[in-house]
Amino acid sequence: MQVNDPIADLLTRVRNAQKAGHEVVSVPASKMKIAIAHILREEGFVRNYKAIRDNKQGILKIALAYSEDGKPGIRTIERESTSSRRVYVTADKLPYVKSGYGIGILSTSKGIMTDREARKLNIGGEYICSVF
């Protein structure tokens, strides 16, 4: 199956799996998807992730996080920059997600990072998605 926007596909699969109550979601792997999964794990939105190599593209398995009462770790996850509408932000115009409670994920010249890291380094980039 041809996917036009692989990052939006990743976010949609995670969103749908959490709504359905799944423990693990599998997506085709890429370096950018692995970097996003790493940030989600570091920020506590997912439990863990694992990149499995095969003879093709590879598979990224993400273990979703839930609270003690069964609520999902990710309340909202939205794609900001799409293939048809790129969203670039400068260092001084980085938006705060839910007044700083959520995170924004950016693709910068220093790699994929959160909005907090980009503010510390005073760099901007392409605003990939916001997570809360």
Protein backbone atom coordinates (compact mmCIF):
# COMPACT_ATOMS: atom_id res chain seq x y z
CA MET A 1 0.00 0.00 0.00
CA GLN A 2 1.38 3.40 -1.02
CA VAL A 3 1.24 6.01 1.74
CA ASN A 4 1.61 9.64 0.74
CA ASP A 5 2.40 10.94 4.22
CA PRO A 6 4.15 8.28 6.33
CA ILE A 7 4.37 10.46 9.46
CA ALA A 8 0.63 11.15 9.41
CA ASP A 9 0.12 7.40 8.96
CA LEU A 10 2.24 6.72 12.08
CA LEU A 11 0.31 9.27 14.15
CA THR A 12 -3.05 7.95 12.94
CA ARG A 13 -2.12 4.34 13.73
CA VAL A 14 -1.03 5.32 17.25
CA ARG A 15 -4.19 7.39 17.80
CA ASN A 16 -6.47 4.59 16.57
CA ALA A 17 -4.65 1.89 18.55
CA GLN A 18 -5.00 3.88 21.76
CA LYS A 19 -8.70 4.45 21.16
CA ALA A 20 -9.13 0.72 20.59
CA GLY A 21 -7.14 -0.12 23.74
CA HIS A 22 -4.32 -2.02 22.03
CA GLU A 23 -1.07 -2.64 23.88
CA VAL A 24 1.22 -2.58 20.81
CA VAL A 25 0.99 -0.97 17.40
CA SER A 26 3.18 -1.91 14.39
CA VAL A 27 4.12 0.47 11.59
CA PRO A 28 6.64 0.36 8.73
CA ALA A 29 9.95 1.73 10.02
CA SER A 30 11.98 4.74 8.91
CA LYS A 31 14.65 6.85 10.59
CA MET A 32 12.24 9.72 11.19
CA LYS A 33 9.55 7.44 12.67
CA ILE A 34 12.12 5.88 15.01
CA ALA A 35 13.24 9.36 16.11
CA ILE A 36 9.62 10.36 16.82
CA ALA A 37 9.04 7.13 18.77
CA HIS A 38 12.21 7.82 20.77
CA ILE A 39 10.96 11.29 21.72
CA LEU A 40 7.55 9.89 22.68
CA ARG A 41 9.26 7.34 24.96
CA GLU A 42 11.56 9.95 26.52
CA GLU A 43 8.58 12.18 27.28
CA GLY A 44 6.55 9.29 28.74
CA PHE A 45 3.79 9.13 26.11
CA VAL A 46 4.62 5.53 25.15
CA ARG A 47 6.18 2.72 27.23
CA ASN A 48 8.78 1.54 24.73
CA TYR A 49 9.52 0.96 21.06
CA LYS A 50 11.53 -1.55 19.07
CA ALA A 51 12.76 -1.41 15.49
CA ILE A 52 12.79 -4.88 13.92
CA ARG A 53 14.88 -5.39 10.80
CA ASP A 54 13.71 -7.59 7.98
CA ASN A 55 14.67 -7.91 4.33
CA LYS A 56 12.36 -5.04 3.43
CA GLN A 57 11.71 -1.73 5.12
CA GLY A 58 11.63 -2.99 8.71
CA ILE A 59 8.91 -2.77 11.35
CA LEU A 60 8.59 -0.36 14.24
CA LYS A 61 6.65 -1.79 17.20
CA ILE A 62 5.45 0.76 19.75
CA ALA A 63 4.20 -0.31 23.20
CA LEU A 64 1.50 2.18 24.17
CA ALA A 65 1.27 3.65 27.67
CA TYR A 66 -1.88 3.70 29.78
CA SER A 67 -2.50 5.08 33.28
CA GLU A 68 -3.54 2.95 36.26
CA ASP A 69 -7.23 3.52 35.50
CA GLY A 70 -6.81 2.63 31.81
CA LYS A 71 -6.66 6.12 30.28
CA PRO A 72 -4.30 6.45 27.31
CA GLY A 73 -0.97 8.22 27.72
CA ILE A 74 -1.61 10.33 24.61
CA ARG A 75 -4.76 12.44 24.73
CA THR A 76 -4.25 14.18 21.40
CA ILE A 77 -1.63 13.75 18.71
CA GLU A 78 -1.96 16.00 15.65
CA ARG A 79 0.06 16.44 12.48
CA GLU A 80 0.96 20.09 11.96
CA SER A 81 3.13 20.11 8.83
CA THR A 82 1.89 18.03 5.92
CA SER A 83 3.38 17.21 2.55
CA SER A 84 1.13 19.79 0.88
CA ARG A 85 1.40 22.46 3.61
CA ARG A 86 4.76 22.72 5.32
CA VAL A 87 4.85 24.62 8.61
CA TYR A 88 8.18 26.19 9.52
CA VAL A 89 8.77 28.09 12.74
CA THR A 90 11.64 30.27 13.89
CA ALA A 91 13.19 29.95 17.34
CA ASP A 92 11.36 32.97 18.72
CA LYS A 93 7.97 31.84 17.38
CA LEU A 94 7.92 28.24 18.70
CA PRO A 95 4.37 27.55 19.92
CA TYR A 96 3.62 26.17 23.39
CA VAL A 97 1.41 23.06 23.28
CA LYS A 98 -1.33 23.24 25.94
CA SER A 99 0.54 26.01 27.79
CA GLY A 100 3.69 23.89 28.05
CA TYR A 101 2.04 20.66 29.26
CA GLY A 102 2.31 19.01 25.84
CA ILE A 103 5.21 18.81 23.43
CA GLY A 104 5.83 19.88 19.88
CA ILE A 105 8.14 17.77 17.72
CA LEU A 106 10.33 19.58 15.22
CA SER A 107 12.72 18.59 12.46
CA THR A 108 15.70 20.94 12.77
CA SER A 109 19.19 21.17 11.34
CA LYS A 110 20.36 19.40 14.53
CA GLY A 111 17.88 16.52 14.09
CA ILE A 112 14.41 15.63 15.39
CA MET A 113 13.74 17.23 18.79
CA THR A 114 11.08 18.64 21.09
CA ASP A 115 10.10 22.28 21.19
CA ARG A 116 11.78 22.64 24.61
CA GLU A 117 15.14 21.45 23.25
CA ALA A 118 14.79 23.76 20.24
CA ARG A 119 14.16 26.72 22.56
CA LYS A 120 17.29 25.87 24.57
CA LEU A 121 19.38 25.64 21.39
CA ASN A 122 17.60 28.71 19.93
CA ILE A 123 16.85 27.04 16.59
CA GLY A 124 13.70 26.62 14.53
CA GLY A 125 12.64 24.12 11.93
CA GLU A 126 9.72 22.22 10.45
CA TYR A 127 6.94 21.74 13.01
CA ILE A 128 6.04 18.06 12.56
CA CYS A 129 3.38 17.36 15.21
CA SER A 130 2.04 18.27 18.63
CA VAL A 131 1.35 15.75 21.40
CA PHE A 132 -0.61 16.13 24.61
